[in-house]
Amino acid sequence: MRRKIPSTAALAAFESAARHQSFTRAASELAITQSAVCRQVATLESFLGVKLFRRSRRGVLLTEAGERYGRAVRTRLDEVERDTLELMARGGAGGALELAVVPTFATRWLLPRLAAFQRVAPGITVHLTSRTRPFLFDDTALDAAIYAGPAGWPGTESRFLMRETLIVVGHPSLAAKGLLAPARIAGLPLLQQSTRPYMWRQWFESLGLSVAHDMSGPRMELFSMLSEAAADGLGVALVPPFLVEHDVAQGRLARLVDHEFRSDRSYYLIYPERKSENPGLATFRDWLDGEARRYRTAEGLE
């Protein structure tokens, strides 16, 4: 059965005109005449049976239906362009993996290991996109995600990577005379992660302490922000050890308490069920599983 799909020329003309809110600018971008853009848009509107633009004193404006369709078309054309560039770059060989990642884990744990994956699978390119919250794979072009939190996303499978552990770090001057007693931490400015307001409370409770102001302090979204603020002397931070090992070794940060707190979160590789047999994803999944096992063993996290 023939697909009910408009011509790509019409879609390209519409997407450009919708993005610029101008037929003239679309014509310049596409290197065609303004009348050609008008004809392509008119052809598309006729095909759809829906008006996509309306005239105004300032030129053309998208209708409500045009705005919705424009966003959808732009996403699809971006995907086609990305796939085309990927195919051209590789001459038809290999493939690409679109991976969503939490920024801290990607920067400090995954990226230092990706060169090893490239040696194992030189035909697979891994593209990274920052995502800190759950999402629906059907609404994206993503193949998988590395996420810290519950893994039971609808319609997905998951592979456990590691439990999250947190340590307290601060400016090296705070540890000039050695490690601090946990009670001393309560008297210092507590740097808070905005998405996890009870993190310090859980840390104190794991040591049998109750602190009245455990939710007070500057709030920041990412672990990387917390570690930088701690290095600048703004307070003390709870962060994963792999994030700060280089800063501690270089003397920018110091570990302040001899206690590793296992939070209620774990890192997982999550992917749609329909992609579980994807060869590129399967190769990456097996490699990542091996790397995570070695890390858990080395850090005593098994």
C-alpha atoms as a PDB file:
ATOM      1  CA  MET A   1       0.000   0.000   0.000  1.00  0.00           C
ATOM      2  CA  ARG A   2       1.315   3.420  -0.929  1.00  0.00           C
ATOM      3  CA  ARG A   3       2.329   5.520   2.064  1.00  0.00           C
ATOM      4  CA  LYS A   4       0.378   8.697   2.835  1.00  0.00           C
ATOM      5  CA  ILE A   5       3.497  10.885   2.926  1.00  0.00           C
ATOM      6  CA  PRO A   6       4.007  14.344   1.347  1.00  0.00           C
ATOM      7  CA  SER A   7       7.026  15.036  -0.842  1.00  0.00           C
ATOM      8  CA  THR A   8      10.277  15.767   0.968  1.00  0.00           C
ATOM      9  CA  ALA A   9      10.623  18.993  -1.023  1.00  0.00           C
ATOM     10  CA  ALA A  10       7.292  20.215   0.321  1.00  0.00           C
ATOM     11  CA  LEU A  11       8.202  19.210   3.875  1.00  0.00           C
ATOM     12  CA  ALA A  12      11.608  20.910   3.648  1.00  0.00           C
ATOM     13  CA  ALA A  13      10.050  24.127   2.325  1.00  0.00           C
ATOM     14  CA  PHE A  14       7.368  24.104   5.020  1.00  0.00           C
ATOM     15  CA  GLU A  15       9.849  23.382   7.837  1.00  0.00           C
ATOM     16  CA  SER A  16      12.125  26.222   6.769  1.00  0.00           C
ATOM     17  CA  ALA A  17       9.235  28.670   6.364  1.00  0.00           C
ATOM     18  CA  ALA A  18       7.802  27.611   9.730  1.00  0.00           C
ATOM     19  CA  ARG A  19      11.159  28.026  11.488  1.00  0.00           C
ATOM     20  CA  HIS A  20      11.783  31.474   9.993  1.00  0.00           C
ATOM     21  CA  GLN A  21       8.119  32.568   9.939  1.00  0.00           C
ATOM     22  CA  SER A  22       9.005  33.878   6.488  1.00  0.00           C
ATOM     23  CA  PHE A  23       8.735  32.560   2.931  1.00  0.00           C
ATOM     24  CA  THR A  24      11.487  34.960   1.846  1.00  0.00           C
ATOM     25  CA  ARG A  25      14.017  33.673   4.381  1.00  0.00           C
ATOM     26  CA  ALA A  26      13.062  30.087   3.592  1.00  0.00           C
ATOM     27  CA  ALA A  27      13.689  30.739  -0.105  1.00  0.00           C
ATOM     28  CA  SER A  28      17.117  32.178   0.688  1.00  0.00           C
ATOM     29  CA  GLU A  29      18.026  29.227   2.906  1.00  0.00           C
ATOM     30  CA  LEU A  30      16.906  26.648   0.343  1.00  0.00           C
ATOM     31  CA  ALA A  31      18.347  28.558  -2.635  1.00  0.00           C
ATOM     32  CA  ILE A  32      15.011  28.632  -4.470  1.00  0.00           C
ATOM     33  CA  THR A  33      12.569  31.411  -5.305  1.00  0.00           C
ATOM     34  CA  GLN A  34       9.931  32.708  -2.907  1.00  0.00           C
ATOM     35  CA  SER A  35       7.212  31.631  -5.340  1.00  0.00           C
ATOM     36  CA  ALA A  36       8.630  28.090  -5.277  1.00  0.00           C
ATOM     37  CA  VAL A  37       8.338  28.041  -1.488  1.00  0.00           C
ATOM     38  CA  CYS A  38       4.759  29.297  -1.747  1.00  0.00           C
ATOM     39  CA  ARG A  39       3.909  26.557  -4.257  1.00  0.00           C
ATOM     40  CA  GLN A  40       5.443  23.838  -2.101  1.00  0.00           C
ATOM     41  CA  VAL A  41       3.559  25.017   0.999  1.00  0.00           C
ATOM     42  CA  ALA A  42       0.319  25.297  -0.978  1.00  0.00           C
ATOM     43  CA  THR A  43       0.846  21.764  -2.306  1.00  0.00           C
ATOM     44  CA  LEU A  44       1.402  20.505   1.242  1.00  0.00           C
ATOM     45  CA  GLU A  45      -1.717  22.272   2.553  1.00  0.00           C
ATOM     46  CA  SER A  46      -3.736  20.774  -0.287  1.00  0.00           C
ATOM     47  CA  PHE A  47      -2.362  17.317   0.466  1.00  0.00           C
ATOM     48  CA  LEU A  48      -3.186  17.656   4.167  1.00  0.00           C
ATOM     49  CA  GLY A  49      -6.471  19.503   3.755  1.00  0.00           C
ATOM     50  CA  VAL A  50      -5.341  21.810   6.554  1.00  0.00           C
ATOM     51  CA  LYS A  51      -4.182  25.443   6.556  1.00  0.00           C
ATOM     52  CA  LEU A  52      -0.673  25.727   7.959  1.00  0.00           C
ATOM     53  CA  PHE A  53      -0.149  29.484   7.581  1.00  0.00           C
ATOM     54  CA  ARG A  54      -2.333  32.568   7.796  1.00  0.00           C
ATOM     55  CA  ARG A  55      -1.628  36.020   6.424  1.00  0.00           C
ATOM     56  CA  SER A  56      -1.132  39.022   8.712  1.00  0.00           C
ATOM     57  CA  ARG A  57       0.123  42.581   8.424  1.00  0.00           C
ATOM     58  CA  ARG A  58       3.553  41.324   9.459  1.00  0.00           C
ATOM     59  CA  GLY A  59       3.620  38.579   6.850  1.00  0.00           C
ATOM     60  CA  VAL A  60       2.777  34.908   7.399  1.00  0.00           C
ATOM     61  CA  LEU A  61       2.063  33.291  10.752  1.00  0.00           C
ATOM     62  CA  LEU A  62       1.640  29.633  11.611  1.00  0.00           C
ATOM     63  CA  THR A  63      -1.792  28.358  12.510  1.00  0.00           C
ATOM     64  CA  GLU A  64      -2.109  26.216  15.636  1.00  0.00           C
ATOM     65  CA  ALA A  65      -2.099  23.113  13.426  1.00  0.00           C
ATOM     66  CA  GLY A  66       0.939  24.501  11.587  1.00  0.00           C
ATOM     67  CA  GLU A  67       2.867  24.957  14.843  1.00  0.00           C
ATOM     68  CA  ARG A  68       2.224  21.361  15.920  1.00  0.00           C
ATOM     69  CA  TYR A  69       3.032  19.943  12.507  1.00  0.00           C
ATOM     70  CA  GLY A  70       6.124  22.130  12.218  1.00  0.00           C
ATOM     71  CA  ARG A  71       7.604  20.727  15.442  1.00  0.00           C
ATOM     72  CA  ALA A  72       6.904  17.163  14.322  1.00  0.00           C
ATOM     73  CA  VAL A  73       8.343  17.681  10.829  1.00  0.00           C
ATOM     74  CA  ARG A  74      11.462  19.379  12.216  1.00  0.00           C
ATOM     75  CA  THR A  75      12.138  16.409  14.502  1.00  0.00           C
ATOM     76  CA  ARG A  76      11.735  13.906  11.653  1.00  0.00           C
ATOM     77  CA  LEU A  77      13.900  15.888   9.239  1.00  0.00           C
ATOM     78  CA  ASP A  78      16.603  16.229  11.902  1.00  0.00           C
ATOM     79  CA  GLU A  79      16.559  12.457  12.319  1.00  0.00           C
ATOM     80  CA  VAL A  80      16.791  11.881   8.564  1.00  0.00           C
ATOM     81  CA  GLU A  81      19.673  14.363   8.319  1.00  0.00           C
ATOM     82  CA  ARG A  82      21.516  12.738  11.216  1.00  0.00           C
ATOM     83  CA  ASP A  83      21.080   9.254   9.754  1.00  0.00           C
ATOM     84  CA  THR A  84      22.175  10.497   6.337  1.00  0.00           C
ATOM     85  CA  LEU A  85      25.326  12.120   7.691  1.00  0.00           C
ATOM     86  CA  GLU A  86      26.096   8.980   9.682  1.00  0.00           C
ATOM     87  CA  LEU A  87      25.722   6.797   6.605  1.00  0.00           C
ATOM     88  CA  MET A  88      27.851   9.145   4.506  1.00  0.00           C
ATOM     89  CA  ALA A  89      30.558   9.308   7.161  1.00  0.00           C
ATOM     90  CA  ARG A  90      30.818   5.537   7.443  1.00  0.00           C
ATOM     91  CA  GLY A  91      30.221   4.648   3.828  1.00  0.00           C
ATOM     92  CA  GLY A  92      27.450   2.272   4.817  1.00  0.00           C
ATOM     93  CA  ALA A  93      29.469   0.372   7.427  1.00  0.00           C
ATOM     94  CA  GLY A  94      29.021   0.275  11.214  1.00  0.00           C
ATOM     95  CA  GLY A  95      26.379   2.225  13.044  1.00  0.00           C
ATOM     96  CA  ALA A  96      25.592   4.715  15.768  1.00  0.00           C
ATOM     97  CA  LEU A  97      24.176   4.469  19.268  1.00  0.00           C
ATOM     98  CA  GLU A  98      22.181   7.359  20.707  1.00  0.00           C
ATOM     99  CA  LEU A  99      22.659   7.273  24.470  1.00  0.00           C
ATOM    100  CA  ALA A 100      21.046   9.477  27.122  1.00  0.00           C
ATOM    101  CA  VAL A 101      23.235   9.959  30.185  1.00  0.00           C
ATOM    102  CA  VAL A 102      23.292  11.679  33.540  1.00  0.00           C
ATOM    103  CA  PRO A 103      26.048  14.303  33.093  1.00  0.00           C
ATOM    104  CA  THR A 104      28.246  13.455  36.090  1.00  0.00           C
ATOM    105  CA  PHE A 105      28.375   9.725  35.356  1.00  0.00           C
ATOM    106  CA  ALA A 106      29.057  10.357  31.679  1.00  0.00           C
ATOM    107  CA  THR A 107      31.849  12.880  32.236  1.00  0.00           C
ATOM    108  CA  ARG A 108      33.751  11.180  35.041  1.00  0.00           C
ATOM    109  CA  TRP A 109      33.022   7.474  34.646  1.00  0.00           C
ATOM    110  CA  LEU A 110      31.880   6.656  31.111  1.00  0.00           C
ATOM    111  CA  LEU A 111      33.957   8.981  28.925  1.00  0.00           C
ATOM    112  CA  PRO A 112      37.349   7.838  30.311  1.00  0.00           C
ATOM    113  CA  ARG A 113      36.370   4.273  29.309  1.00  0.00           C
ATOM    114  CA  LEU A 114      34.850   4.946  25.868  1.00  0.00           C
ATOM    115  CA  ALA A 115      38.184   4.769  24.072  1.00  0.00           C
ATOM    116  CA  ALA A 116      38.380   1.129  25.168  1.00  0.00           C
ATOM    117  CA  PHE A 117      34.935   0.513  23.685  1.00  0.00           C
ATOM    118  CA  GLN A 118      36.007   2.104  20.408  1.00  0.00           C
ATOM    119  CA  ARG A 119      38.879  -0.375  20.245  1.00  0.00           C
ATOM    120  CA  VAL A 120      36.464  -3.267  20.845  1.00  0.00           C
ATOM    121  CA  ALA A 121      33.813  -1.977  18.423  1.00  0.00           C
ATOM    122  CA  PRO A 122      35.405   0.537  16.006  1.00  0.00           C
ATOM    123  CA  GLY A 123      32.346   0.514  13.770  1.00  0.00           C
ATOM    124  CA  ILE A 124      29.969   1.844  16.437  1.00  0.00           C
ATOM    125  CA  THR A 125      29.854   5.551  17.265  1.00  0.00           C
ATOM    126  CA  VAL A 126      28.331   6.487  20.627  1.00  0.00           C
ATOM    127  CA  HIS A 127      26.493   9.818  20.748  1.00  0.00           C
ATOM    128  CA  LEU A 128      25.767  11.226  24.227  1.00  0.00           C
ATOM    129  CA  THR A 129      22.802  13.401  25.208  1.00  0.00           C
ATOM    130  CA  SER A 130      22.315  14.784  28.710  1.00  0.00           C
ATOM    131  CA  ARG A 131      19.114  13.639  30.431  1.00  0.00           C
ATOM    132  CA  THR A 132      18.586  13.782  34.201  1.00  0.00           C
ATOM    133  CA  ARG A 133      14.962  12.625  34.422  1.00  0.00           C
ATOM    134  CA  PRO A 134      12.947   9.661  33.062  1.00  0.00           C
ATOM    135  CA  PHE A 135      11.386  10.023  29.604  1.00  0.00           C
ATOM    136  CA  LEU A 136       9.504   8.031  26.963  1.00  0.00           C
ATOM    137  CA  PHE A 137      11.768   6.489  24.337  1.00  0.00           C
ATOM    138  CA  ASP A 138       8.980   6.664  21.747  1.00  0.00           C
ATOM    139  CA  ASP A 139       9.188  10.473  21.874  1.00  0.00           C
ATOM    140  CA  THR A 140      12.916  10.497  21.077  1.00  0.00           C
ATOM    141  CA  ALA A 141      15.530   9.032  18.745  1.00  0.00           C
ATOM    142  CA  LEU A 142      17.429   7.622  21.743  1.00  0.00           C
ATOM    143  CA  ASP A 143      18.437   3.958  21.843  1.00  0.00           C
ATOM    144  CA  ALA A 144      19.230   3.650  25.548  1.00  0.00           C
ATOM    145  CA  ALA A 145      19.825   5.633  28.724  1.00  0.00           C
ATOM    146  CA  ILE A 146      22.131   5.465  31.716  1.00  0.00           C
ATOM    147  CA  TYR A 147      20.066   6.623  34.663  1.00  0.00           C
ATOM    148  CA  ALA A 148      20.486   6.879  38.434  1.00  0.00           C
ATOM    149  CA  GLY A 149      17.237   5.800  40.040  1.00  0.00           C
ATOM    150  CA  PRO A 150      14.449   3.241  39.608  1.00  0.00           C
ATOM    151  CA  ALA A 151      14.754   1.171  36.439  1.00  0.00           C
ATOM    152  CA  GLY A 152      11.143   0.088  35.905  1.00  0.00           C
ATOM    153  CA  TRP A 153      10.305   2.372  32.991  1.00  0.00           C
ATOM    154  CA  PRO A 154       7.276   1.159  30.962  1.00  0.00           C
ATOM    155  CA  GLY A 155       8.179  -0.986  27.958  1.00  0.00           C
ATOM    156  CA  THR A 156      11.882  -1.213  28.799  1.00  0.00           C
ATOM    157  CA  GLU A 157      14.527  -3.655  29.961  1.00  0.00           C
ATOM    158  CA  SER A 158      17.469  -2.732  32.155  1.00  0.00           C
ATOM    159  CA  ARG A 159      20.944  -3.848  33.145  1.00  0.00           C
ATOM    160  CA  PHE A 160      22.200  -3.057  36.660  1.00  0.00           C
ATOM    161  CA  LEU A 161      25.535  -1.230  36.686  1.00  0.00           C
ATOM    162  CA  MET A 162      26.307  -0.204  40.285  1.00  0.00           C
ATOM    163  CA  ARG A 163      24.955   1.139  43.527  1.00  0.00           C
ATOM    164  CA  GLU A 164      25.524   4.822  44.152  1.00  0.00           C
ATOM    165  CA  THR A 165      27.886   5.677  46.995  1.00  0.00           C
ATOM    166  CA  LEU A 166      28.484   9.195  48.299  1.00  0.00           C
ATOM    167  CA  ILE A 167      31.356  10.764  50.222  1.00  0.00           C
ATOM    168  CA  VAL A 168      31.771  14.157  51.893  1.00  0.00           C
ATOM    169  CA  VAL A 169      34.299  16.506  50.308  1.00  0.00           C
ATOM    170  CA  GLY A 170      35.314  20.110  50.869  1.00  0.00           C
ATOM    171  CA  HIS A 171      38.169  22.572  50.541  1.00  0.00           C
ATOM    172  CA  PRO A 172      41.498  20.994  51.595  1.00  0.00           C
ATOM    173  CA  SER A 173      41.915  23.570  54.369  1.00  0.00           C
ATOM    174  CA  LEU A 174      39.067  21.883  56.241  1.00  0.00           C
ATOM    175  CA  ALA A 175      41.100  18.684  56.508  1.00  0.00           C
ATOM    176  CA  ALA A 176      44.424  20.317  57.340  1.00  0.00           C
ATOM    177  CA  LYS A 177      44.498  18.515  60.700  1.00  0.00           C
ATOM    178  CA  GLY A 178      43.021  15.257  59.436  1.00  0.00           C
ATOM    179  CA  LEU A 179      39.580  13.764  58.885  1.00  0.00           C
ATOM    180  CA  LEU A 180      36.623  15.366  60.653  1.00  0.00           C
ATOM    181  CA  ALA A 181      34.125  13.785  63.016  1.00  0.00           C
ATOM    182  CA  PRO A 182      30.684  13.509  61.372  1.00  0.00           C
ATOM    183  CA  ALA A 183      29.219  15.884  63.961  1.00  0.00           C
ATOM    184  CA  ARG A 184      31.632  18.597  62.776  1.00  0.00           C
ATOM    185  CA  ILE A 185      30.053  18.471  59.306  1.00  0.00           C
ATOM    186  CA  ALA A 186      26.757  19.686  60.757  1.00  0.00           C
ATOM    187  CA  GLY A 187      28.432  22.977  61.647  1.00  0.00           C
ATOM    188  CA  LEU A 188      29.595  23.656  58.095  1.00  0.00           C
ATOM    189  CA  PRO A 189      27.587  25.050  55.151  1.00  0.00           C
ATOM    190  CA  LEU A 190      25.849  22.079  53.512  1.00  0.00           C
ATOM    191  CA  LEU A 191      25.726  22.247  49.716  1.00  0.00           C
ATOM    192  CA  GLN A 192      22.365  20.825  48.629  1.00  0.00           C
ATOM    193  CA  GLN A 193      21.416  19.026  45.427  1.00  0.00           C
ATOM    194  CA  SER A 194      18.137  20.626  44.353  1.00  0.00           C
ATOM    195  CA  THR A 195      16.644  17.422  42.937  1.00  0.00           C
ATOM    196  CA  ARG A 196      17.439  15.427  46.100  1.00  0.00           C
ATOM    197  CA  PRO A 197      16.552  17.579  49.128  1.00  0.00           C
ATOM    198  CA  TYR A 198      16.821  14.744  51.696  1.00  0.00           C
ATOM    199  CA  MET A 199      20.309  13.589  50.752  1.00  0.00           C
ATOM    200  CA  TRP A 200      22.095  15.145  53.722  1.00  0.00           C
ATOM    201  CA  ARG A 201      19.385  13.967  56.120  1.00  0.00           C
ATOM    202  CA  GLN A 202      19.866  10.405  54.900  1.00  0.00           C
ATOM    203  CA  TRP A 203      23.630  10.748  55.328  1.00  0.00           C
ATOM    204  CA  PHE A 204      23.331  11.997  58.915  1.00  0.00           C
ATOM    205  CA  GLU A 205      20.753   9.292  59.745  1.00  0.00           C
ATOM    206  CA  SER A 206      23.116   6.600  58.427  1.00  0.00           C
ATOM    207  CA  LEU A 207      25.483   7.710  61.224  1.00  0.00           C
ATOM    208  CA  GLY A 208      22.777   7.925  63.881  1.00  0.00           C
ATOM    209  CA  LEU A 209      22.724  11.731  63.866  1.00  0.00           C
ATOM    210  CA  SER A 210      19.808  14.155  63.714  1.00  0.00           C
ATOM    211  CA  VAL A 211      20.557  17.661  62.421  1.00  0.00           C
ATOM    212  CA  ALA A 212      17.879  20.353  62.462  1.00  0.00           C
ATOM    213  CA  HIS A 213      19.180  22.347  59.485  1.00  0.00           C
ATOM    214  CA  ASP A 214      20.115  19.397  57.259  1.00  0.00           C
ATOM    215  CA  MET A 215      18.068  20.797  54.339  1.00  0.00           C
ATOM    216  CA  SER A 216      19.552  24.287  54.521  1.00  0.00           C
ATOM    217  CA  GLY A 217      22.292  25.587  52.258  1.00  0.00           C
ATOM    218  CA  PRO A 218      22.919  26.665  48.644  1.00  0.00           C
ATOM    219  CA  ARG A 219      21.002  24.491  46.165  1.00  0.00           C
ATOM    220  CA  MET A 220      22.512  23.284  42.881  1.00  0.00           C
ATOM    221  CA  GLU A 221      21.215  20.804  40.324  1.00  0.00           C
ATOM    222  CA  LEU A 222      24.271  18.750  39.360  1.00  0.00           C
ATOM    223  CA  PHE A 223      26.961  16.886  41.303  1.00  0.00           C
ATOM    224  CA  SER A 224      29.568  18.664  39.185  1.00  0.00           C
ATOM    225  CA  MET A 225      28.262  22.024  40.457  1.00  0.00           C
ATOM    226  CA  LEU A 226      28.409  20.807  44.045  1.00  0.00           C
ATOM    227  CA  SER A 227      32.016  19.610  43.720  1.00  0.00           C
ATOM    228  CA  GLU A 228      33.137  22.890  42.137  1.00  0.00           C
ATOM    229  CA  ALA A 229      31.389  24.893  44.859  1.00  0.00           C
ATOM    230  CA  ALA A 230      33.094  22.751  47.508  1.00  0.00           C
ATOM    231  CA  ALA A 231      36.496  23.269  45.873  1.00  0.00           C
ATOM    232  CA  ASP A 232      35.863  27.027  45.947  1.00  0.00           C
ATOM    233  CA  GLY A 233      35.184  26.923  49.685  1.00  0.00           C
ATOM    234  CA  LEU A 234      31.430  27.529  49.571  1.00  0.00           C
ATOM    235  CA  GLY A 235      30.629  24.521  51.741  1.00  0.00           C
ATOM    236  CA  VAL A 236      30.805  20.743  51.933  1.00  0.00           C
ATOM    237  CA  ALA A 237      29.287  18.402  49.357  1.00  0.00           C
ATOM    238  CA  LEU A 238      28.019  14.838  49.119  1.00  0.00           C
ATOM    239  CA  VAL A 239      29.210  13.408  45.802  1.00  0.00           C
ATOM    240  CA  PRO A 240      30.102  10.057  44.180  1.00  0.00           C
ATOM    241  CA  PRO A 241      33.795   9.125  44.636  1.00  0.00           C
ATOM    242  CA  PHE A 242      34.401   8.712  40.883  1.00  0.00           C
ATOM    243  CA  LEU A 243      33.455  12.357  40.333  1.00  0.00           C
ATOM    244  CA  VAL A 244      36.162  13.812  42.555  1.00  0.00           C
ATOM    245  CA  GLU A 245      39.022  11.293  42.547  1.00  0.00           C
ATOM    246  CA  HIS A 246      41.129  13.506  40.228  1.00  0.00           C
ATOM    247  CA  ASP A 247      40.389  16.665  42.223  1.00  0.00           C
ATOM    248  CA  VAL A 248      41.322  14.913  45.464  1.00  0.00           C
ATOM    249  CA  ALA A 249      44.551  13.581  43.934  1.00  0.00           C
ATOM    250  CA  GLN A 250      45.446  17.079  42.701  1.00  0.00           C
ATOM    251  CA  GLY A 251      44.649  18.717  46.048  1.00  0.00           C
ATOM    252  CA  ARG A 252      41.672  20.779  44.865  1.00  0.00           C
ATOM    253  CA  LEU A 253      39.317  18.841  47.144  1.00  0.00           C
ATOM    254  CA  ALA A 254      39.747  16.759  50.272  1.00  0.00           C
ATOM    255  CA  ARG A 255      37.734  13.885  51.625  1.00  0.00           C
ATOM    256  CA  LEU A 256      36.509  15.016  55.036  1.00  0.00           C
ATOM    257  CA  VAL A 257      34.892  11.961  56.685  1.00  0.00           C
ATOM    258  CA  ASP A 258      35.845   8.288  56.628  1.00  0.00           C
ATOM    259  CA  HIS A 259      32.343   7.094  55.706  1.00  0.00           C
ATOM    260  CA  GLU A 260      30.938   5.928  52.354  1.00  0.00           C
ATOM    261  CA  PHE A 261      27.182   6.280  52.290  1.00  0.00           C
ATOM    262  CA  ARG A 262      25.224   3.977  49.985  1.00  0.00           C
ATOM    263  CA  SER A 263      22.263   5.997  48.774  1.00  0.00           C
ATOM    264  CA  ASP A 264      18.900   4.593  47.736  1.00  0.00           C
ATOM    265  CA  ARG A 265      19.833   4.948  44.055  1.00  0.00           C
ATOM    266  CA  SER A 266      21.600   2.720  41.567  1.00  0.00           C
ATOM    267  CA  TYR A 267      22.893   3.251  38.040  1.00  0.00           C
ATOM    268  CA  TYR A 268      21.210   1.267  35.266  1.00  0.00           C
ATOM    269  CA  LEU A 269      21.430   0.945  31.509  1.00  0.00           C
ATOM    270  CA  ILE A 270      17.819   1.189  30.325  1.00  0.00           C
ATOM    271  CA  TYR A 271      16.602   0.480  26.786  1.00  0.00           C
ATOM    272  CA  PRO A 272      13.288  -0.241  24.989  1.00  0.00           C
ATOM    273  CA  GLU A 273      12.260  -3.886  24.801  1.00  0.00           C
ATOM    274  CA  ARG A 274      11.972  -3.618  21.025  1.00  0.00           C
ATOM    275  CA  LYS A 275      15.684  -2.751  20.787  1.00  0.00           C
ATOM    276  CA  SER A 276      16.981  -5.513  23.042  1.00  0.00           C
ATOM    277  CA  GLU A 277      18.289  -7.489  20.052  1.00  0.00           C
ATOM    278  CA  ASN A 278      19.819  -4.498  18.275  1.00  0.00           C
ATOM    279  CA  PRO A 279      23.394  -5.634  17.446  1.00  0.00           C
ATOM    280  CA  GLY A 280      25.068  -2.313  18.259  1.00  0.00           C
ATOM    281  CA  LEU A 281      23.178  -1.922  21.513  1.00  0.00           C
ATOM    282  CA  ALA A 282      23.888  -5.538  22.477  1.00  0.00           C
ATOM    283  CA  THR A 283      27.629  -5.001  21.895  1.00  0.00           C
ATOM    284  CA  PHE A 284      27.645  -1.837  24.001  1.00  0.00           C
ATOM    285  CA  ARG A 285      25.478  -3.435  26.713  1.00  0.00           C
ATOM    286  CA  ASP A 286      27.821  -6.410  27.112  1.00  0.00           C
ATOM    287  CA  TRP A 287      30.909  -4.186  27.160  1.00  0.00           C
ATOM    288  CA  LEU A 288      29.350  -1.810  29.710  1.00  0.00           C
ATOM    289  CA  ASP A 289      28.299  -4.739  31.886  1.00  0.00           C
ATOM    290  CA  GLY A 290      31.898  -5.961  31.975  1.00  0.00           C
ATOM    291  CA  GLU A 291      33.269  -2.510  32.814  1.00  0.00           C
ATOM    292  CA  ALA A 292      30.732  -2.065  35.613  1.00  0.00           C
ATOM    293  CA  ARG A 293      31.573  -5.490  37.075  1.00  0.00           C
ATOM    294  CA  ARG A 294      35.278  -4.663  37.133  1.00  0.00           C
ATOM    295  CA  TYR A 295      34.578  -1.301  38.787  1.00  0.00           C
ATOM    296  CA  ARG A 296      32.322  -2.856  41.446  1.00  0.00           C
ATOM    297  CA  THR A 297      34.973  -5.425  42.259  1.00  0.00           C
ATOM    298  CA  ALA A 298      37.771  -2.842  42.445  1.00  0.00           C
ATOM    299  CA  GLU A 299      35.726  -0.524  44.671  1.00  0.00           C
ATOM    300  CA  GLY A 300      34.263  -3.250  46.872  1.00  0.00           C
ATOM    301  CA  LEU A 301      30.713  -2.554  45.701  1.00  0.00           C
ATOM    302  CA  GLU A 302      29.680  -6.143  44.957  1.00  0.00           C
END
